[in-house]
């Protein structure tokens, strides 16, 4: 026969009540907030550090690019300047001021040595120019592909400098030992003026250039350079 008495109600344990209070309290909310905030902060910090690292790498690459670009321009101006000076000297030693008859003894011997040194220097610099002008032209195109005016100015500069050098050498070979020409007004004056003008234009274009890294010459720029050498 079933027991007619009602079942006794269950009494929650003290431990269960404690956990329930904890789970329902603001402590859990605070802990969750701290946890989420920490994770988010770490993500933001990691992303920021990565971005900063990428910027540093990009800045370093850009500085290296500018350094190489500047070095190429310095090489161009150094060689162009030396060839211009060598051509001028080659013409100058045909002038009356270098007439050996005007000097005696050690002075005459020194004058002849100086004339020989001028010829040797011209030959050495002219050979260096012929050997390096193609590589210098490539560097000018590579580092200034975004500035067609710079490339065009270089192509013109190369042509007129070649003409000036050839003119100086021709004049020297035809007048060496004569020392009776007025070198201040006639020899290669047109070529010399064209060289100065072209160099000024190249300098102007370089000053206008926007220095931005590139990866190579555009097809149009390459075409101009190749056409100039035909």
C-alpha atoms as a PDB file:
ATOM      1  CA  UNK A   1       0.000   0.000   0.000  1.00  0.00           C
ATOM      2  CA  UNK A   2       1.548   3.344  -1.057  1.00  0.00           C
ATOM      3  CA  UNK A   3       2.797   5.786   1.494  1.00  0.00           C
ATOM      4  CA  UNK A   4       0.238   8.614   1.662  1.00  0.00           C
ATOM      5  CA  UNK A   5       2.766  11.117   3.063  1.00  0.00           C
ATOM      6  CA  UNK A   6       4.086  13.738   0.579  1.00  0.00           C
ATOM      7  CA  UNK A   7       7.767  13.587  -0.479  1.00  0.00           C
ATOM      8  CA  UNK A   8      10.146  15.781   1.370  1.00  0.00           C
ATOM      9  CA  UNK A   9      11.360  18.793  -0.619  1.00  0.00           C
ATOM     10  CA  UNK A  10      15.028  18.659  -1.778  1.00  0.00           C
ATOM     11  CA  UNK A  11      17.298  21.052  -0.053  1.00  0.00           C
ATOM     12  CA  UNK A  12      19.976  22.586  -2.331  1.00  0.00           C
ATOM     13  CA  UNK A  13      23.458  21.997  -1.114  1.00  0.00           C
ATOM     14  CA  UNK A  14      25.563  24.827   0.137  1.00  0.00           C
ATOM     15  CA  UNK A  15      28.118  24.224  -2.641  1.00  0.00           C
ATOM     16  CA  UNK A  16      25.511  24.407  -5.413  1.00  0.00           C
ATOM     17  CA  UNK A  17      24.160  27.625  -4.030  1.00  0.00           C
ATOM     18  CA  UNK A  18      27.589  29.153  -3.942  1.00  0.00           C
ATOM     19  CA  UNK A  19      28.296  28.392  -7.632  1.00  0.00           C
ATOM     20  CA  UNK A  20      24.913  29.670  -8.633  1.00  0.00           C
ATOM     21  CA  UNK A  21      25.539  32.933  -6.887  1.00  0.00           C
ATOM     22  CA  UNK A  22      28.943  33.224  -8.545  1.00  0.00           C
ATOM     23  CA  UNK A  23      27.595  32.484 -12.013  1.00  0.00           C
ATOM     24  CA  UNK A  24      24.800  34.971 -11.571  1.00  0.00           C
ATOM     25  CA  UNK A  25      27.001  37.647 -10.079  1.00  0.00           C
ATOM     26  CA  UNK A  26      28.788  40.560 -11.748  1.00  0.00           C
ATOM     27  CA  UNK A  27      32.097  38.779 -11.155  1.00  0.00           C
ATOM     28  CA  UNK A  28      31.576  36.588 -14.181  1.00  0.00           C
ATOM     29  CA  UNK A  29      30.703  39.602 -16.272  1.00  0.00           C
ATOM     30  CA  UNK A  30      33.834  41.386 -15.146  1.00  0.00           C
ATOM     31  CA  UNK A  31      36.006  38.349 -15.811  1.00  0.00           C
ATOM     32  CA  UNK A  32      34.538  37.898 -19.271  1.00  0.00           C
ATOM     33  CA  UNK A  33      35.082  41.570 -20.013  1.00  0.00           C
ATOM     34  CA  UNK A  34      38.694  41.383 -18.927  1.00  0.00           C
ATOM     35  CA  UNK A  35      39.270  38.243 -20.979  1.00  0.00           C
ATOM     36  CA  UNK A  36      37.728  39.643 -24.142  1.00  0.00           C
ATOM     37  CA  UNK A  37      39.509  42.958 -23.684  1.00  0.00           C
ATOM     38  CA  UNK A  38      42.835  41.199 -23.236  1.00  0.00           C
ATOM     39  CA  UNK A  39      42.396  39.112 -26.353  1.00  0.00           C
ATOM     40  CA  UNK A  40      41.330  42.128 -28.395  1.00  0.00           C
ATOM     41  CA  UNK A  41      44.210  44.218 -27.055  1.00  0.00           C
ATOM     42  CA  UNK A  42      46.704  41.519 -27.979  1.00  0.00           C
ATOM     43  CA  UNK A  43      45.266  41.344 -31.473  1.00  0.00           C
ATOM     44  CA  UNK A  44      45.484  45.120 -31.880  1.00  0.00           C
ATOM     45  CA  UNK A  45      49.039  45.214 -30.519  1.00  0.00           C
ATOM     46  CA  UNK A  46      50.105  42.380 -32.809  1.00  0.00           C
ATOM     47  CA  UNK A  47      48.529  44.025 -35.838  1.00  0.00           C
ATOM     48  CA  UNK A  48      50.124  47.377 -34.978  1.00  0.00           C
ATOM     49  CA  UNK A  49      53.556  45.823 -34.516  1.00  0.00           C
ATOM     50  CA  UNK A  50      53.242  44.020 -37.834  1.00  0.00           C
ATOM     51  CA  UNK A  51      52.232  47.222 -39.595  1.00  0.00           C
ATOM     52  CA  UNK A  52      55.136  49.102 -38.015  1.00  0.00           C
ATOM     53  CA  UNK A  53      57.519  46.375 -39.094  1.00  0.00           C
ATOM     54  CA  UNK A  54      56.213  46.518 -42.654  1.00  0.00           C
ATOM     55  CA  UNK A  55      56.626  50.299 -42.663  1.00  0.00           C
ATOM     56  CA  UNK A  56      60.200  50.011 -41.395  1.00  0.00           C
ATOM     57  CA  UNK A  57      61.058  47.479 -44.087  1.00  0.00           C
ATOM     58  CA  UNK A  58      59.458  49.646 -46.775  1.00  0.00           C
ATOM     59  CA  UNK A  59      61.258  52.759 -45.502  1.00  0.00           C
ATOM     60  CA  UNK A  60      64.586  50.951 -45.458  1.00  0.00           C
ATOM     61  CA  UNK A  61      64.045  49.738 -49.014  1.00  0.00           C
ATOM     62  CA  UNK A  62      63.092  53.243 -50.120  1.00  0.00           C
ATOM     63  CA  UNK A  63      66.213  54.736 -48.524  1.00  0.00           C
ATOM     64  CA  UNK A  64      68.382  52.132 -50.232  1.00  0.00           C
ATOM     65  CA  UNK A  65      66.678  52.918 -53.529  1.00  0.00           C
ATOM     66  CA  UNK A  66      67.303  56.650 -53.143  1.00  0.00           C
ATOM     67  CA  UNK A  67      70.920  55.997 -52.216  1.00  0.00           C
ATOM     68  CA  UNK A  68      71.466  53.876 -55.329  1.00  0.00           C
ATOM     69  CA  UNK A  69      69.666  56.444 -57.452  1.00  0.00           C
ATOM     70  CA  UNK A  70      71.856  59.262 -56.146  1.00  0.00           C
ATOM     71  CA  UNK A  71      74.983  57.182 -56.713  1.00  0.00           C
ATOM     72  CA  UNK A  72      74.031  56.584 -60.350  1.00  0.00           C
ATOM     73  CA  UNK A  73      73.527  60.315 -60.933  1.00  0.00           C
ATOM     74  CA  UNK A  74      76.877  61.081 -59.302  1.00  0.00           C
ATOM     75  CA  UNK A  75      78.567  58.556 -61.595  1.00  0.00           C
ATOM     76  CA  UNK A  76      77.001  60.177 -64.649  1.00  0.00           C
ATOM     77  CA  UNK A  77      78.060  63.698 -63.700  1.00  0.00           C
ATOM     78  CA  UNK A  78      81.545  62.597 -62.702  1.00  0.00           C
ATOM     79  CA  UNK A  79      82.268  60.893 -66.016  1.00  0.00           C
ATOM     80  CA  UNK A  80      80.562  63.560 -68.129  1.00  0.00           C
ATOM     81  CA  UNK A  81      82.527  66.279 -66.335  1.00  0.00           C
ATOM     82  CA  UNK A  82      85.836  64.486 -66.760  1.00  0.00           C
ATOM     83  CA  UNK A  83      85.280  63.893 -70.471  1.00  0.00           C
ATOM     84  CA  UNK A  84      84.307  67.530 -71.062  1.00  0.00           C
ATOM     85  CA  UNK A  85      87.418  68.724 -69.252  1.00  0.00           C
ATOM     86  CA  UNK A  86      89.638  66.251 -71.109  1.00  0.00           C
ATOM     87  CA  UNK A  87      88.248  67.414 -74.474  1.00  0.00           C
ATOM     88  CA  UNK A  88      88.835  71.066 -73.566  1.00  0.00           C
ATOM     89  CA  UNK A  89      92.405  70.307 -72.498  1.00  0.00           C
ATOM     90  CA  UNK A  90      93.050  68.414 -75.725  1.00  0.00           C
ATOM     91  CA  UNK A  91      92.066  71.486 -77.727  1.00  0.00           C
ATOM     92  CA  UNK A  92      93.988  73.829 -75.461  1.00  0.00           C
ATOM     93  CA  UNK A  93      97.358  72.147 -75.983  1.00  0.00           C
ATOM     94  CA  UNK A  94      97.177  73.080 -79.685  1.00  0.00           C
ATOM     95  CA  UNK A  95      97.104  76.783 -78.786  1.00  0.00           C
ATOM     96  CA  UNK A  96     100.068  79.164 -79.097  1.00  0.00           C
ATOM     97  CA  UNK A  97     100.450  79.053 -75.323  1.00  0.00           C
ATOM     98  CA  UNK A  98     101.751  75.494 -75.714  1.00  0.00           C
ATOM     99  CA  UNK A  99     104.264  76.313 -78.445  1.00  0.00           C
ATOM    100  CA  UNK A 100     107.520  74.633 -77.292  1.00  0.00           C
ATOM    101  CA  UNK A 101     109.598  77.330 -78.997  1.00  0.00           C
ATOM    102  CA  UNK A 102     108.402  79.823 -76.410  1.00  0.00           C
ATOM    103  CA  UNK A 103     110.127  77.870 -73.655  1.00  0.00           C
ATOM    104  CA  UNK A 104     113.633  76.688 -72.950  1.00  0.00           C
ATOM    105  CA  UNK A 105     115.352  73.981 -70.983  1.00  0.00           C
ATOM    106  CA  UNK A 106     113.349  72.414 -68.165  1.00  0.00           C
ATOM    107  CA  UNK A 107     110.286  74.516 -68.953  1.00  0.00           C
ATOM    108  CA  UNK A 108     110.145  73.151 -72.482  1.00  0.00           C
ATOM    109  CA  UNK A 109     110.541  69.586 -71.257  1.00  0.00           C
ATOM    110  CA  UNK A 110     107.834  70.141 -68.643  1.00  0.00           C
ATOM    111  CA  UNK A 111     105.511  71.578 -71.306  1.00  0.00           C
ATOM    112  CA  UNK A 112     105.971  68.531 -73.498  1.00  0.00           C
ATOM    113  CA  UNK A 113     105.308  66.179 -70.571  1.00  0.00           C
ATOM    114  CA  UNK A 114     102.150  68.092 -69.776  1.00  0.00           C
ATOM    115  CA  UNK A 115     100.952  67.818 -73.367  1.00  0.00           C
ATOM    116  CA  UNK A 116     101.602  64.080 -73.344  1.00  0.00           C
ATOM    117  CA  UNK A 117      99.713  63.728 -70.049  1.00  0.00           C
ATOM    118  CA  UNK A 118      96.750  65.614 -71.530  1.00  0.00           C
ATOM    119  CA  UNK A 119      96.630  63.225 -74.489  1.00  0.00           C
ATOM    120  CA  UNK A 120      96.895  60.156 -72.267  1.00  0.00           C
ATOM    121  CA  UNK A 121      94.180  61.440 -69.963  1.00  0.00           C
ATOM    122  CA  UNK A 122      91.825  62.137 -72.857  1.00  0.00           C
ATOM    123  CA  UNK A 123      92.365  58.676 -74.297  1.00  0.00           C
ATOM    124  CA  UNK A 124      91.750  57.023 -70.905  1.00  0.00           C
ATOM    125  CA  UNK A 125      88.603  59.019 -70.107  1.00  0.00           C
ATOM    126  CA  UNK A 126      87.216  58.648 -73.632  1.00  0.00           C
ATOM    127  CA  UNK A 127      87.695  54.889 -73.445  1.00  0.00           C
ATOM    128  CA  UNK A 128      85.999  54.800 -70.050  1.00  0.00           C
ATOM    129  CA  UNK A 129      83.096  56.776 -71.469  1.00  0.00           C
ATOM    130  CA  UNK A 130      82.664  54.385 -74.394  1.00  0.00           C
ATOM    131  CA  UNK A 131      82.828  51.434 -72.004  1.00  0.00           C
ATOM    132  CA  UNK A 132      80.363  52.757 -69.419  1.00  0.00           C
ATOM    133  CA  UNK A 133      77.899  54.949 -71.282  1.00  0.00           C
ATOM    134  CA  UNK A 134      75.563  52.021 -71.997  1.00  0.00           C
ATOM    135  CA  UNK A 135      75.421  50.949 -68.347  1.00  0.00           C
ATOM    136  CA  UNK A 136      74.985  54.544 -67.209  1.00  0.00           C
ATOM    137  CA  UNK A 137      72.195  54.947 -69.732  1.00  0.00           C
ATOM    138  CA  UNK A 138      70.472  51.884 -68.315  1.00  0.00           C
ATOM    139  CA  UNK A 139      70.698  53.290 -64.793  1.00  0.00           C
ATOM    140  CA  UNK A 140      69.261  56.613 -65.918  1.00  0.00           C
ATOM    141  CA  UNK A 141      66.322  54.800 -67.519  1.00  0.00           C
ATOM    142  CA  UNK A 142      65.811  52.412 -64.600  1.00  0.00           C
ATOM    143  CA  UNK A 143      65.794  55.060 -61.891  1.00  0.00           C
ATOM    144  CA  UNK A 144      63.880  57.707 -63.882  1.00  0.00           C
ATOM    145  CA  UNK A 145      61.379  55.669 -65.868  1.00  0.00           C
ATOM    146  CA  UNK A 146      58.549  57.772 -64.498  1.00  0.00           C
ATOM    147  CA  UNK A 147      60.195  60.952 -65.816  1.00  0.00           C
ATOM    148  CA  UNK A 148      60.450  60.717 -69.631  1.00  0.00           C
ATOM    149  CA  UNK A 149      61.940  64.213 -69.733  1.00  0.00           C
ATOM    150  CA  UNK A 150      64.956  63.015 -67.753  1.00  0.00           C
ATOM    151  CA  UNK A 151      65.522  60.063 -70.063  1.00  0.00           C
ATOM    152  CA  UNK A 152      65.210  62.245 -73.161  1.00  0.00           C
ATOM    153  CA  UNK A 153      67.649  64.779 -71.675  1.00  0.00           C
ATOM    154  CA  UNK A 154      70.156  61.987 -71.014  1.00  0.00           C
ATOM    155  CA  UNK A 155      69.881  60.665 -74.585  1.00  0.00           C
ATOM    156  CA  UNK A 156      70.540  64.152 -75.950  1.00  0.00           C
ATOM    157  CA  UNK A 157      73.376  64.689 -73.490  1.00  0.00           C
ATOM    158  CA  UNK A 158      75.047  61.485 -74.650  1.00  0.00           C
ATOM    159  CA  UNK A 159      74.808  62.451 -78.313  1.00  0.00           C
ATOM    160  CA  UNK A 160      76.237  65.953 -77.962  1.00  0.00           C
ATOM    161  CA  UNK A 161      79.014  64.788 -75.652  1.00  0.00           C
ATOM    162  CA  UNK A 162      80.020  62.162 -78.203  1.00  0.00           C
ATOM    163  CA  UNK A 163      80.084  64.881 -80.854  1.00  0.00           C
ATOM    164  CA  UNK A 164      82.166  67.216 -78.686  1.00  0.00           C
ATOM    165  CA  UNK A 165      84.670  64.497 -77.846  1.00  0.00           C
ATOM    166  CA  UNK A 166      85.026  63.486 -81.498  1.00  0.00           C
ATOM    167  CA  UNK A 167      85.439  67.114 -82.554  1.00  0.00           C
ATOM    168  CA  UNK A 168      88.155  67.752 -79.955  1.00  0.00           C
ATOM    169  CA  UNK A 169      90.055  64.646 -80.974  1.00  0.00           C
ATOM    170  CA  UNK A 170      89.799  65.518 -84.677  1.00  0.00           C
ATOM    171  CA  UNK A 171      90.959  69.084 -84.058  1.00  0.00           C
ATOM    172  CA  UNK A 172      93.926  67.924 -82.001  1.00  0.00           C
ATOM    173  CA  UNK A 173      95.013  65.364 -84.584  1.00  0.00           C
ATOM    174  CA  UNK A 174      94.815  67.945 -87.383  1.00  0.00           C
ATOM    175  CA  UNK A 175      96.533  70.786 -85.518  1.00  0.00           C
ATOM    176  CA  UNK A 176      98.942  69.156 -83.098  1.00  0.00           C
ATOM    177  CA  UNK A 177     102.348  70.821 -83.391  1.00  0.00           C
ATOM    178  CA  UNK A 178     101.013  73.887 -85.235  1.00  0.00           C
ATOM    179  CA  UNK A 179     100.119  76.065 -82.227  1.00  0.00           C
ATOM    180  CA  UNK A 180      98.866  78.852 -84.444  1.00  0.00           C
ATOM    181  CA  UNK A 181      95.082  78.622 -84.003  1.00  0.00           C
ATOM    182  CA  UNK A 182      92.803  80.850 -82.008  1.00  0.00           C
ATOM    183  CA  UNK A 183      91.292  78.181 -79.762  1.00  0.00           C
ATOM    184  CA  UNK A 184      89.248  80.723 -77.834  1.00  0.00           C
ATOM    185  CA  UNK A 185      86.806  81.312 -80.689  1.00  0.00           C
ATOM    186  CA  UNK A 186      86.772  78.540 -83.290  1.00  0.00           C
ATOM    187  CA  UNK A 187      87.521  74.903 -82.353  1.00  0.00           C
ATOM    188  CA  UNK A 188      84.437  72.859 -81.510  1.00  0.00           C
ATOM    189  CA  UNK A 189      82.629  75.899 -80.153  1.00  0.00           C
ATOM    190  CA  UNK A 190      79.228  74.706 -81.366  1.00  0.00           C
ATOM    191  CA  UNK A 191      79.693  71.236 -79.878  1.00  0.00           C
ATOM    192  CA  UNK A 192      80.933  72.682 -76.608  1.00  0.00           C
ATOM    193  CA  UNK A 193      77.920  75.000 -76.331  1.00  0.00           C
ATOM    194  CA  UNK A 194      75.538  72.135 -77.126  1.00  0.00           C
ATOM    195  CA  UNK A 195      77.146  70.037 -74.392  1.00  0.00           C
ATOM    196  CA  UNK A 196      76.718  72.799 -71.815  1.00  0.00           C
ATOM    197  CA  UNK A 197      73.100  73.342 -72.854  1.00  0.00           C
ATOM    198  CA  UNK A 198      72.264  69.634 -72.727  1.00  0.00           C
ATOM    199  CA  UNK A 199      73.903  69.219 -69.343  1.00  0.00           C
ATOM    200  CA  UNK A 200      71.874  72.139 -68.003  1.00  0.00           C
ATOM    201  CA  UNK A 201      68.678  70.533 -69.329  1.00  0.00           C
ATOM    202  CA  UNK A 202      69.560  67.197 -67.751  1.00  0.00           C
ATOM    203  CA  UNK A 203      70.152  68.941 -64.422  1.00  0.00           C
ATOM    204  CA  UNK A 204      66.804  70.714 -64.755  1.00  0.00           C
ATOM    205  CA  UNK A 205      64.958  67.476 -65.449  1.00  0.00           C
ATOM    206  CA  UNK A 206      66.621  65.704 -62.540  1.00  0.00           C
ATOM    207  CA  UNK A 207      65.583  68.520 -60.229  1.00  0.00           C
ATOM    208  CA  UNK A 208      61.976  68.067 -61.341  1.00  0.00           C
ATOM    209  CA  UNK A 209      62.040  64.303 -61.028  1.00  0.00           C
ATOM    210  CA  UNK A 210      59.781  62.626 -58.510  1.00  0.00           C
ATOM    211  CA  UNK A 211      61.907  60.010 -56.760  1.00  0.00           C
ATOM    212  CA  UNK A 212      59.708  56.963 -56.555  1.00  0.00           C
ATOM    213  CA  UNK A 213      60.927  53.343 -56.626  1.00  0.00           C
ATOM    214  CA  UNK A 214      60.446  51.458 -59.876  1.00  0.00           C
ATOM    215  CA  UNK A 215      61.011  47.968 -61.114  1.00  0.00           C
ATOM    216  CA  UNK A 216      62.246  48.629 -64.616  1.00  0.00           C
ATOM    217  CA  UNK A 217      61.853  50.736 -67.680  1.00  0.00           C
ATOM    218  CA  UNK A 218      58.569  51.059 -69.480  1.00  0.00           C
ATOM    219  CA  UNK A 219      58.404  49.859 -73.078  1.00  0.00           C
ATOM    220  CA  UNK A 220      58.153  53.431 -74.368  1.00  0.00           C
ATOM    221  CA  UNK A 221      61.244  54.484 -72.422  1.00  0.00           C
ATOM    222  CA  UNK A 222      63.212  51.452 -73.579  1.00  0.00           C
ATOM    223  CA  UNK A 223      62.214  52.236 -77.150  1.00  0.00           C
ATOM    224  CA  UNK A 224      63.567  55.788 -76.907  1.00  0.00           C
ATOM    225  CA  UNK A 225      66.866  54.572 -75.510  1.00  0.00           C
ATOM    226  CA  UNK A 226      67.288  51.833 -78.122  1.00  0.00           C
ATOM    227  CA  UNK A 227      66.425  54.220 -80.942  1.00  0.00           C
ATOM    228  CA  UNK A 228      69.038  56.682 -79.699  1.00  0.00           C
ATOM    229  CA  UNK A 229      71.777  54.065 -80.017  1.00  0.00           C
ATOM    230  CA  UNK A 230      70.940  52.990 -83.567  1.00  0.00           C
END
